[in-house]
Every structure is written in C-alpha cells, then in structure tokens.
Amino acid sequence: MNLSMFIIGSAVFIVAFSFFKVTALHKTKNQNESWLKLISVFFVDLIVLVVGTLGVGIFFVSLFNAFHG
C-alpha cells in the first residue's frame, strides 16, 4: 500500500509541474533562446522533478501512515 501511495503522490506532482511548465512555455515563446540556456533550464527542471517527485511521494506515504497507523 505504501508503494501505491508513493506512486500516486509522485504522479500528482509530475502532472501539476507539467501543467505549470506548459503554461510557462506558452507565455514565453521566444525563438531566439540559446541552446545553452535551454539545456540549463532542462537540467534545473529535471532536478526539480526528481526532488519534487520524491518529496511529494514521501509526504503522501507519511500522511497515509500517520492516519492509518
């Protein structure tokens, strides 16, 4: 049960962050971005996704265990 709660928490974060990035992309469409800047943004987003997925997954499991003993 803990694994499924972790997966649900991770999926919630990934979906929410993806909606945020799509909205930000639509607002800042600029064709003159450099590849270096785009790659650095990609790695920052990757780190945020990994840390956020683990963090929210752990948070969901902790809440589940706290309320269900």
N, C-alpha and C. Protein backbone atom coordinates (compact mmCIF):
# COMPACT_ATOMS: atom_id res chain seq x y z
N MET A 1 0.82 -1.19 0.00
CA MET A 1 0.00 0.00 0.00
C MET A 1 0.86 1.26 0.00
N ASN A 2 2.01 1.19 0.68
CA ASN A 2 2.88 2.37 0.71
C ASN A 2 3.41 2.71 -0.68
N LEU A 3 3.71 1.67 -1.46
CA LEU A 3 4.22 1.92 -2.81
C LEU A 3 3.18 2.60 -3.67
N SER A 4 1.94 2.17 -3.56
CA SER A 4 0.89 2.79 -4.37
C SER A 4 0.66 4.24 -3.95
N MET A 5 0.73 4.54 -2.65
CA MET A 5 0.59 5.92 -2.19
C MET A 5 1.77 6.76 -2.70
N PHE A 6 2.96 6.19 -2.71
CA PHE A 6 4.12 6.90 -3.22
C PHE A 6 3.95 7.20 -4.70
N ILE A 7 3.45 6.24 -5.46
CA ILE A 7 3.25 6.44 -6.90
C ILE A 7 2.18 7.50 -7.15
N ILE A 8 1.10 7.48 -6.37
CA ILE A 8 0.05 8.49 -6.52
C ILE A 8 0.59 9.88 -6.22
N GLY A 9 1.35 10.01 -5.13
CA GLY A 9 1.94 11.30 -4.79
C GLY A 9 2.90 11.79 -5.87
N SER A 10 3.68 10.90 -6.40
CA SER A 10 4.62 11.26 -7.46
C SER A 10 3.89 11.69 -8.72
N ALA A 11 2.83 10.96 -9.08
CA ALA A 11 2.06 11.30 -10.27
C ALA A 11 1.37 12.66 -10.13
N VAL A 12 0.87 12.95 -8.94
CA VAL A 12 0.24 14.26 -8.69
C VAL A 12 1.25 15.38 -8.93
N PHE A 13 2.46 15.23 -8.41
CA PHE A 13 3.46 16.28 -8.59
C PHE A 13 3.86 16.42 -10.06
N ILE A 14 4.07 15.31 -10.74
CA ILE A 14 4.50 15.37 -12.14
C ILE A 14 3.43 16.04 -13.01
N VAL A 15 2.18 15.71 -12.79
CA VAL A 15 1.09 16.32 -13.56
C VAL A 15 1.00 17.82 -13.27
N ALA A 16 1.06 18.19 -12.00
CA ALA A 16 0.96 19.61 -11.63
C ALA A 16 2.14 20.40 -12.20
N PHE A 17 3.34 19.86 -12.10
CA PHE A 17 4.52 20.57 -12.61
C PHE A 17 4.49 20.65 -14.14
N SER A 18 3.97 19.61 -14.78
CA SER A 18 3.87 19.63 -16.24
C SER A 18 2.90 20.70 -16.72
N PHE A 19 1.75 20.83 -16.04
CA PHE A 19 0.81 21.90 -16.39
C PHE A 19 1.45 23.27 -16.21
N PHE A 20 2.22 23.43 -15.13
CA PHE A 20 2.92 24.68 -14.88
C PHE A 20 3.91 24.99 -16.01
N LYS A 21 4.67 23.99 -16.44
CA LYS A 21 5.67 24.21 -17.49
C LYS A 21 5.02 24.50 -18.84
N VAL A 22 3.92 23.83 -19.15
CA VAL A 22 3.22 24.09 -20.41
C VAL A 22 2.70 25.52 -20.44
N THR A 23 2.13 25.97 -19.34
CA THR A 23 1.64 27.34 -19.27
C THR A 23 2.79 28.34 -19.40
N ALA A 24 3.88 28.08 -18.72
CA ALA A 24 5.04 28.97 -18.81
C ALA A 24 5.61 28.98 -20.23
N LEU A 25 5.60 27.85 -20.90
CA LEU A 25 6.11 27.77 -22.27
C LEU A 25 5.25 28.59 -23.22
N HIS A 26 3.93 28.53 -23.05
CA HIS A 26 3.04 29.31 -23.91
C HIS A 26 3.20 30.81 -23.70
N LYS A 27 3.55 31.22 -22.49
CA LYS A 27 3.71 32.65 -22.20
C LYS A 27 5.05 33.20 -22.66
N THR A 28 6.04 32.35 -22.78
CA THR A 28 7.39 32.83 -23.10
C THR A 28 7.93 32.21 -24.38
N LYS A 29 7.14 32.15 -25.42
CA LYS A 29 7.64 31.60 -26.69
C LYS A 29 8.57 32.64 -27.33
N ASN A 30 9.83 32.32 -27.32
CA ASN A 30 10.84 33.20 -27.91
C ASN A 30 11.79 32.32 -28.71
N GLN A 31 11.89 32.56 -29.98
CA GLN A 31 12.70 31.72 -30.86
C GLN A 31 14.19 32.03 -30.76
N ASN A 32 14.57 33.09 -30.08
CA ASN A 32 15.98 33.50 -30.03
C ASN A 32 16.71 32.98 -28.78
N GLU A 33 16.19 31.97 -28.13
CA GLU A 33 16.85 31.41 -26.95
C GLU A 33 18.08 30.63 -27.38
N SER A 34 19.13 30.72 -26.58
CA SER A 34 20.34 29.97 -26.90
C SER A 34 20.21 28.53 -26.41
N TRP A 35 20.92 27.63 -27.07
CA TRP A 35 20.88 26.23 -26.68
C TRP A 35 21.42 26.02 -25.29
N LEU A 36 22.42 26.78 -24.91
CA LEU A 36 23.00 26.64 -23.57
C LEU A 36 21.97 26.97 -22.50
N LYS A 37 21.22 28.03 -22.73
CA LYS A 37 20.19 28.41 -21.77
C LYS A 37 19.08 27.36 -21.72
N LEU A 38 18.68 26.83 -22.86
CA LEU A 38 17.64 25.81 -22.88
C LEU A 38 18.08 24.53 -22.18
N ILE A 39 19.34 24.15 -22.36
CA ILE A 39 19.85 22.94 -21.71
C ILE A 39 19.94 23.15 -20.20
N SER A 40 20.36 24.34 -19.77
CA SER A 40 20.43 24.60 -18.33
C SER A 40 19.04 24.60 -17.71
N VAL A 41 18.05 25.15 -18.42
CA VAL A 41 16.67 25.11 -17.92
C VAL A 41 16.18 23.67 -17.84
N PHE A 42 16.54 22.85 -18.83
CA PHE A 42 16.15 21.45 -18.81
C PHE A 42 16.70 20.73 -17.58
N PHE A 43 17.97 20.95 -17.26
CA PHE A 43 18.56 20.26 -16.12
C PHE A 43 17.98 20.76 -14.80
N VAL A 44 17.69 22.04 -14.71
CA VAL A 44 17.05 22.56 -13.50
C VAL A 44 15.66 21.95 -13.35
N ASP A 45 14.91 21.89 -14.44
CA ASP A 45 13.58 21.26 -14.39
C ASP A 45 13.68 19.78 -14.03
N LEU A 46 14.69 19.09 -14.53
CA LEU A 46 14.88 17.68 -14.21
C LEU A 46 15.15 17.50 -12.72
N ILE A 47 15.98 18.34 -12.16
CA ILE A 47 16.28 18.26 -10.72
C ILE A 47 15.03 18.55 -9.91
N VAL A 48 14.25 19.57 -10.32
CA VAL A 48 13.01 19.89 -9.61
C VAL A 48 12.04 18.72 -9.69
N LEU A 49 11.94 18.09 -10.86
CA LEU A 49 11.04 16.94 -10.99
C LEU A 49 11.48 15.77 -10.10
N VAL A 50 12.75 15.47 -10.06
CA VAL A 50 13.23 14.34 -9.26
C VAL A 50 13.02 14.62 -7.77
N VAL A 51 13.43 15.79 -7.31
CA VAL A 51 13.30 16.12 -5.90
C VAL A 51 11.83 16.25 -5.51
N GLY A 52 11.05 16.90 -6.36
CA GLY A 52 9.63 17.07 -6.07
C GLY A 52 8.88 15.75 -6.07
N THR A 53 9.20 14.88 -7.01
CA THR A 53 8.55 13.57 -7.07
C THR A 53 8.85 12.77 -5.82
N LEU A 54 10.11 12.73 -5.43
CA LEU A 54 10.47 12.00 -4.21
C LEU A 54 9.85 12.65 -2.98
N GLY A 55 9.90 13.97 -2.91
CA GLY A 55 9.36 14.67 -1.75
C GLY A 55 7.86 14.49 -1.58
N VAL A 56 7.10 14.67 -2.65
CA VAL A 56 5.65 14.53 -2.55
C VAL A 56 5.27 13.08 -2.34
N GLY A 57 5.99 12.16 -2.96
CA GLY A 57 5.72 10.74 -2.72
C GLY A 57 5.94 10.36 -1.27
N ILE A 58 7.04 10.81 -0.70
CA ILE A 58 7.32 10.55 0.71
C ILE A 58 6.28 11.21 1.60
N PHE A 59 5.87 12.42 1.24
CA PHE A 59 4.84 13.14 2.01
C PHE A 59 3.52 12.37 2.01
N PHE A 60 3.10 11.86 0.85
CA PHE A 60 1.85 11.10 0.78
C PHE A 60 1.94 9.83 1.63
N VAL A 61 3.07 9.12 1.56
CA VAL A 61 3.23 7.91 2.35
C VAL A 61 3.24 8.24 3.84
N SER A 62 3.89 9.33 4.22
CA SER A 62 3.92 9.72 5.63
C SER A 62 2.52 10.06 6.14
N LEU A 63 1.76 10.81 5.34
CA LEU A 63 0.39 11.11 5.75
C LEU A 63 -0.45 9.84 5.86
N PHE A 64 -0.29 8.95 4.91
CA PHE A 64 -1.04 7.71 4.94
C PHE A 64 -0.72 6.89 6.19
N ASN A 65 0.56 6.78 6.51
CA ASN A 65 0.97 6.02 7.69
C ASN A 65 0.54 6.70 8.98
N ALA A 66 0.54 8.04 9.00
CA ALA A 66 0.13 8.76 10.21
C ALA A 66 -1.36 8.55 10.50
N PHE A 67 -2.18 8.51 9.48
CA PHE A 67 -3.61 8.39 9.70
C PHE A 67 -4.11 6.94 9.75
N HIS A 68 -3.29 6.01 9.28
CA HIS A 68 -3.72 4.61 9.29
C HIS A 68 -2.87 3.73 10.20
N GLY A 69 -1.96 4.34 10.89
CA GLY A 69 -1.15 3.59 11.87
C GLY A 69 -0.26 2.63 11.27
